[in-house]
Amino acid sequence: MGGLLRADPLWVETFTGLGMGRFERLVRVVRERGGNGPGGGRPWCLPLADRVLLVAVYYRTNLTMRQLAPLFGISPATVCRIIQRLGPLLALQPAPRPADATDRLWIVDGTLI
């Protein structure tokens, strides 16, 4: 049983808001961070681009795993495994702090005027 969504330009732009160039860069970053795994064990049922699309759709649309499963033609358990595996790899890295940032004191007033 095939799924409806694949990493085609129409679906990528519609469901993620990213152009294909940016999406391909995102897939490349996930691959460099180890998104395909160590190479042992059973292979994933979806290619890496489709798995990245799945996680992006999950975060952007707030669909449940049970709703995403038929869209990609996989089980809800597989959706869960993909999100658990790739979710941390899609997280942004914290921006480096300037070296002198530790000696600064910022006072923020949160009162309403």
N, C-alpha and C. Protein backbone atom coordinates (compact mmCIF):
# COMPACT_ATOMS: atom_id res chain seq x y z
N MET A 1 0.85 -1.18 0.00
CA MET A 1 0.00 0.00 0.00
C MET A 1 0.89 1.23 0.00
N GLY A 2 0.76 2.05 -1.02
CA GLY A 2 1.57 3.25 -1.12
C GLY A 2 0.89 4.43 -0.43
N GLY A 3 1.70 5.33 0.02
CA GLY A 3 1.18 6.52 0.67
C GLY A 3 0.87 7.61 -0.33
N LEU A 4 0.20 8.60 0.14
CA LEU A 4 -0.17 9.73 -0.70
C LEU A 4 0.94 10.75 -0.81
N LEU A 5 1.64 10.99 0.29
CA LEU A 5 2.67 12.03 0.32
C LEU A 5 4.04 11.47 0.02
N ARG A 6 4.76 12.16 -0.84
CA ARG A 6 6.15 11.86 -1.15
C ARG A 6 6.90 13.18 -1.23
N ALA A 7 8.20 13.13 -1.22
CA ALA A 7 9.01 14.34 -1.23
C ALA A 7 9.08 14.94 -2.64
N ASP A 8 7.94 15.24 -3.20
CA ASP A 8 7.84 15.93 -4.49
C ASP A 8 7.69 17.42 -4.23
N PRO A 9 8.09 18.26 -5.19
CA PRO A 9 8.02 19.71 -4.95
C PRO A 9 6.65 20.21 -4.50
N LEU A 10 5.58 19.68 -5.08
CA LEU A 10 4.24 20.14 -4.71
C LEU A 10 3.95 19.86 -3.24
N TRP A 11 4.23 18.64 -2.78
CA TRP A 11 3.93 18.28 -1.40
C TRP A 11 4.86 18.97 -0.43
N VAL A 12 6.13 19.07 -0.79
CA VAL A 12 7.10 19.71 0.10
C VAL A 12 6.71 21.16 0.35
N GLU A 13 6.44 21.90 -0.71
CA GLU A 13 6.11 23.32 -0.55
C GLU A 13 4.77 23.51 0.13
N THR A 14 3.80 22.64 -0.15
CA THR A 14 2.48 22.77 0.46
C THR A 14 2.50 22.49 1.95
N PHE A 15 3.17 21.42 2.35
CA PHE A 15 3.10 20.98 3.74
C PHE A 15 4.20 21.51 4.64
N THR A 16 5.32 21.98 4.06
CA THR A 16 6.41 22.48 4.91
C THR A 16 6.63 23.97 4.76
N GLY A 17 6.21 24.55 3.66
CA GLY A 17 6.47 25.97 3.42
C GLY A 17 7.89 26.22 2.93
N LEU A 18 8.65 25.17 2.68
CA LEU A 18 10.02 25.29 2.20
C LEU A 18 10.07 25.08 0.69
N GLY A 19 10.93 25.82 0.02
CA GLY A 19 11.20 25.54 -1.38
C GLY A 19 12.02 24.26 -1.49
N MET A 20 12.08 23.68 -2.68
CA MET A 20 12.80 22.41 -2.84
C MET A 20 14.29 22.57 -2.53
N GLY A 21 14.87 23.71 -2.87
CA GLY A 21 16.29 23.92 -2.57
C GLY A 21 16.58 23.85 -1.08
N ARG A 22 15.77 24.54 -0.31
CA ARG A 22 15.95 24.52 1.15
C ARG A 22 15.65 23.15 1.73
N PHE A 23 14.63 22.49 1.20
CA PHE A 23 14.30 21.15 1.69
C PHE A 23 15.44 20.18 1.41
N GLU A 24 16.03 20.26 0.22
CA GLU A 24 17.15 19.38 -0.11
C GLU A 24 18.35 19.66 0.79
N ARG A 25 18.58 20.93 1.14
CA ARG A 25 19.65 21.25 2.09
C ARG A 25 19.35 20.66 3.46
N LEU A 26 18.09 20.72 3.87
CA LEU A 26 17.68 20.14 5.15
C LEU A 26 17.92 18.63 5.16
N VAL A 27 17.57 17.96 4.08
CA VAL A 27 17.79 16.52 3.98
C VAL A 27 19.29 16.22 4.04
N ARG A 28 20.10 17.04 3.38
CA ARG A 28 21.55 16.84 3.40
C ARG A 28 22.10 16.99 4.82
N VAL A 29 21.61 18.01 5.56
CA VAL A 29 22.06 18.21 6.94
C VAL A 29 21.67 17.02 7.81
N VAL A 30 20.45 16.52 7.65
CA VAL A 30 20.00 15.37 8.43
C VAL A 30 20.85 14.14 8.09
N ARG A 31 21.18 13.97 6.81
CA ARG A 31 22.04 12.84 6.41
C ARG A 31 23.42 12.96 7.05
N GLU A 32 23.98 14.18 7.07
CA GLU A 32 25.30 14.39 7.67
C GLU A 32 25.27 14.16 9.18
N ARG A 33 24.15 14.43 9.82
CA ARG A 33 24.02 14.22 11.26
C ARG A 33 23.70 12.77 11.62
N GLY A 34 23.64 11.90 10.64
CA GLY A 34 23.41 10.48 10.90
C GLY A 34 21.97 10.05 10.75
N GLY A 35 21.21 10.70 9.91
CA GLY A 35 19.79 10.40 9.76
C GLY A 35 19.50 9.04 9.15
N ASN A 36 20.45 8.47 8.42
CA ASN A 36 20.24 7.15 7.85
C ASN A 36 20.64 6.04 8.79
N GLY A 37 21.16 6.39 9.95
CA GLY A 37 21.54 5.39 10.94
C GLY A 37 22.91 4.82 10.65
N PRO A 38 23.34 3.90 11.51
CA PRO A 38 24.68 3.35 11.38
C PRO A 38 24.84 2.39 10.21
N GLY A 39 23.76 1.94 9.60
CA GLY A 39 23.87 1.05 8.46
C GLY A 39 23.50 -0.39 8.77
N GLY A 40 23.39 -0.75 10.03
CA GLY A 40 23.00 -2.10 10.38
C GLY A 40 21.51 -2.20 10.61
N GLY A 41 21.01 -3.41 10.62
CA GLY A 41 19.59 -3.61 10.90
C GLY A 41 18.73 -3.50 9.66
N ARG A 42 17.46 -3.56 9.90
CA ARG A 42 16.49 -3.51 8.81
C ARG A 42 16.45 -2.12 8.21
N PRO A 43 16.38 -2.01 6.87
CA PRO A 43 16.33 -0.68 6.26
C PRO A 43 14.97 -0.01 6.49
N TRP A 44 14.97 1.31 6.47
CA TRP A 44 13.74 2.07 6.63
C TRP A 44 12.83 1.82 5.44
N CYS A 45 11.52 1.87 5.67
CA CYS A 45 10.56 1.63 4.59
C CYS A 45 10.38 2.86 3.70
N LEU A 46 10.81 4.02 4.17
CA LEU A 46 10.73 5.26 3.39
C LEU A 46 12.13 5.80 3.16
N PRO A 47 12.37 6.43 2.01
CA PRO A 47 13.66 7.09 1.81
C PRO A 47 13.81 8.26 2.77
N LEU A 48 15.05 8.71 2.95
CA LEU A 48 15.32 9.76 3.93
C LEU A 48 14.53 11.04 3.64
N ALA A 49 14.41 11.43 2.38
CA ALA A 49 13.67 12.65 2.05
C ALA A 49 12.21 12.55 2.50
N ASP A 50 11.60 11.39 2.31
CA ASP A 50 10.21 11.20 2.75
C ASP A 50 10.11 11.21 4.27
N ARG A 51 11.11 10.66 4.95
CA ARG A 51 11.09 10.67 6.42
C ARG A 51 11.25 12.09 6.96
N VAL A 52 12.11 12.88 6.32
CA VAL A 52 12.26 14.28 6.74
C VAL A 52 10.96 15.03 6.49
N LEU A 53 10.32 14.77 5.36
CA LEU A 53 9.02 15.39 5.07
C LEU A 53 8.00 15.00 6.13
N LEU A 54 7.98 13.74 6.52
CA LEU A 54 7.03 13.28 7.54
C LEU A 54 7.22 14.06 8.84
N VAL A 55 8.45 14.20 9.30
CA VAL A 55 8.70 14.92 10.55
C VAL A 55 8.33 16.39 10.41
N ALA A 56 8.65 16.98 9.27
CA ALA A 56 8.31 18.39 9.06
C ALA A 56 6.79 18.59 9.04
N VAL A 57 6.07 17.68 8.40
CA VAL A 57 4.60 17.76 8.38
C VAL A 57 4.06 17.58 9.79
N TYR A 58 4.63 16.67 10.55
CA TYR A 58 4.18 16.43 11.93
C TYR A 58 4.33 17.70 12.76
N TYR A 59 5.48 18.36 12.67
CA TYR A 59 5.70 19.57 13.47
C TYR A 59 4.89 20.76 12.96
N ARG A 60 4.70 20.86 11.67
CA ARG A 60 4.04 22.05 11.11
C ARG A 60 2.52 21.96 11.20
N THR A 61 1.95 20.78 11.01
CA THR A 61 0.48 20.67 10.92
C THR A 61 -0.17 20.19 12.20
N ASN A 62 0.62 19.62 13.11
CA ASN A 62 0.09 19.09 14.36
C ASN A 62 -0.89 17.93 14.13
N LEU A 63 -0.70 17.19 13.03
CA LEU A 63 -1.48 15.98 12.80
C LEU A 63 -0.98 14.90 13.75
N THR A 64 -1.87 14.00 14.12
CA THR A 64 -1.45 12.90 14.99
C THR A 64 -0.70 11.85 14.17
N MET A 65 -0.04 10.96 14.88
CA MET A 65 0.69 9.89 14.21
C MET A 65 -0.28 8.96 13.48
N ARG A 66 -1.45 8.76 14.05
CA ARG A 66 -2.46 7.92 13.39
C ARG A 66 -2.97 8.57 12.11
N GLN A 67 -2.99 9.90 12.05
CA GLN A 67 -3.42 10.59 10.84
C GLN A 67 -2.32 10.60 9.78
N LEU A 68 -1.07 10.69 10.22
CA LEU A 68 0.05 10.72 9.27
C LEU A 68 0.31 9.36 8.63
N ALA A 69 0.05 8.29 9.36
CA ALA A 69 0.37 6.95 8.88
C ALA A 69 -0.23 6.64 7.50
N PRO A 70 -1.53 6.82 7.28
CA PRO A 70 -2.06 6.51 5.94
C PRO A 70 -1.58 7.49 4.86
N LEU A 71 -1.23 8.71 5.24
CA LEU A 71 -0.73 9.66 4.25
C LEU A 71 0.60 9.20 3.65
N PHE A 72 1.40 8.50 4.45
CA PHE A 72 2.70 8.03 3.99
C PHE A 72 2.70 6.52 3.71
N GLY A 73 1.57 5.84 3.95
CA GLY A 73 1.47 4.42 3.66
C GLY A 73 2.25 3.54 4.61
N ILE A 74 2.34 3.95 5.87
CA ILE A 74 3.08 3.19 6.88
C ILE A 74 2.22 3.08 8.14
N SER A 75 2.70 2.33 9.12
CA SER A 75 1.94 2.16 10.36
C SER A 75 2.20 3.31 11.32
N PRO A 76 1.28 3.54 12.26
CA PRO A 76 1.52 4.58 13.27
C PRO A 76 2.78 4.33 14.09
N ALA A 77 3.11 3.06 14.33
CA ALA A 77 4.33 2.75 15.08
C ALA A 77 5.58 3.19 14.30
N THR A 78 5.55 3.01 12.99
CA THR A 78 6.68 3.45 12.17
C THR A 78 6.78 4.96 12.16
N VAL A 79 5.64 5.64 12.11
CA VAL A 79 5.64 7.11 12.19
C VAL A 79 6.31 7.54 13.49
N CYS A 80 5.96 6.90 14.57
CA CYS A 80 6.53 7.23 15.88
C CYS A 80 8.04 7.03 15.88
N ARG A 81 8.50 5.90 15.33
CA ARG A 81 9.95 5.64 15.29
C ARG A 81 10.69 6.67 14.46
N ILE A 82 10.10 7.07 13.34
CA ILE A 82 10.74 8.06 12.47
C ILE A 82 10.84 9.40 13.18
N ILE A 83 9.78 9.81 13.85
CA ILE A 83 9.79 11.09 14.56
C ILE A 83 10.79 11.06 15.70
N GLN A 84 10.84 9.96 16.44
CA GLN A 84 11.80 9.86 17.54
C GLN A 84 13.24 9.86 17.04
N ARG A 85 13.48 9.27 15.88
CA ARG A 85 14.84 9.18 15.34
C ARG A 85 15.30 10.49 14.70
N LEU A 86 14.42 11.12 13.89
CA LEU A 86 14.83 12.29 13.13
C LEU A 86 14.50 13.61 13.80
N GLY A 87 13.56 13.62 14.73
CA GLY A 87 13.19 14.87 15.39
C GLY A 87 14.36 15.61 15.99
N PRO A 88 15.21 14.95 16.78
CA PRO A 88 16.36 15.66 17.35
C PRO A 88 17.36 16.14 16.30
N LEU A 89 17.43 15.44 15.16
CA LEU A 89 18.37 15.85 14.12
C LEU A 89 17.90 17.09 13.38
N LEU A 90 16.61 17.38 13.45
CA LEU A 90 16.07 18.57 12.80
C LEU A 90 16.12 19.80 13.71
N ALA A 91 16.47 19.60 14.96
CA ALA A 91 16.51 20.73 15.91
C ALA A 91 17.63 21.69 15.54
N LEU A 92 17.39 22.95 15.80
CA LEU A 92 18.41 23.96 15.55
C LEU A 92 19.51 23.87 16.59
N GLN A 93 20.72 24.14 16.17
CA GLN A 93 21.82 24.20 17.11
C GLN A 93 21.80 25.57 17.77
N PRO A 94 22.11 25.65 19.05
CA PRO A 94 22.12 26.95 19.71
C PRO A 94 23.18 27.86 19.09
N ALA A 95 22.85 29.12 18.99
CA ALA A 95 23.80 30.09 18.45
C ALA A 95 24.96 30.27 19.43
N PRO A 96 26.17 30.42 18.91
CA PRO A 96 27.30 30.62 19.81
C PRO A 96 27.18 31.94 20.55
N ARG A 97 27.52 31.91 21.82
CA ARG A 97 27.45 33.12 22.64
C ARG A 97 28.78 33.85 22.57
N PRO A 98 28.75 35.16 22.54
CA PRO A 98 30.01 35.90 22.56
C PRO A 98 30.78 35.61 23.85
N ALA A 99 32.09 35.70 23.76
CA ALA A 99 32.94 35.39 24.91
C ALA A 99 32.68 36.32 26.09
N ASP A 100 32.33 37.56 25.81
CA ASP A 100 32.12 38.51 26.90
C ASP A 100 30.68 38.51 27.42
N ALA A 101 29.87 37.59 26.97
CA ALA A 101 28.46 37.56 27.39
C ALA A 101 28.30 37.14 28.85
N THR A 102 29.29 36.49 29.42
CA THR A 102 29.14 36.02 30.79
C THR A 102 29.25 37.14 31.82
N ASP A 103 29.91 38.24 31.45
CA ASP A 103 30.06 39.31 32.43
C ASP A 103 29.00 40.40 32.28
N ARG A 104 28.05 40.19 31.40
CA ARG A 104 26.98 41.17 31.23
C ARG A 104 25.81 40.82 32.13
N LEU A 105 25.18 41.83 32.65
CA LEU A 105 23.99 41.64 33.46
C LEU A 105 22.86 42.40 32.79
N TRP A 106 21.80 41.70 32.49
CA TRP A 106 20.64 42.31 31.86
C TRP A 106 19.50 42.31 32.86
N ILE A 107 18.91 43.45 33.05
CA ILE A 107 17.75 43.57 33.92
C ILE A 107 16.56 43.83 33.02
N VAL A 108 15.58 42.96 33.09
CA VAL A 108 14.40 43.08 32.25
C VAL A 108 13.22 43.38 33.15
N ASP A 109 12.52 44.46 32.85
CA ASP A 109 11.36 44.85 33.64
C ASP A 109 10.12 44.33 32.93
N GLY A 110 9.38 43.47 33.58
CA GLY A 110 8.20 42.89 32.97
C GLY A 110 6.90 43.52 33.43
N THR A 111 6.95 44.65 34.12
CA THR A 111 5.72 45.27 34.59
C THR A 111 5.00 45.97 33.45
N LEU A 112 3.71 46.04 33.57
CA LEU A 112 2.91 46.75 32.58
C LEU A 112 2.78 48.21 32.99
N ILE A 113 2.87 49.05 32.03
CA ILE A 113 2.74 50.49 32.32
C ILE A 113 1.35 50.95 31.96
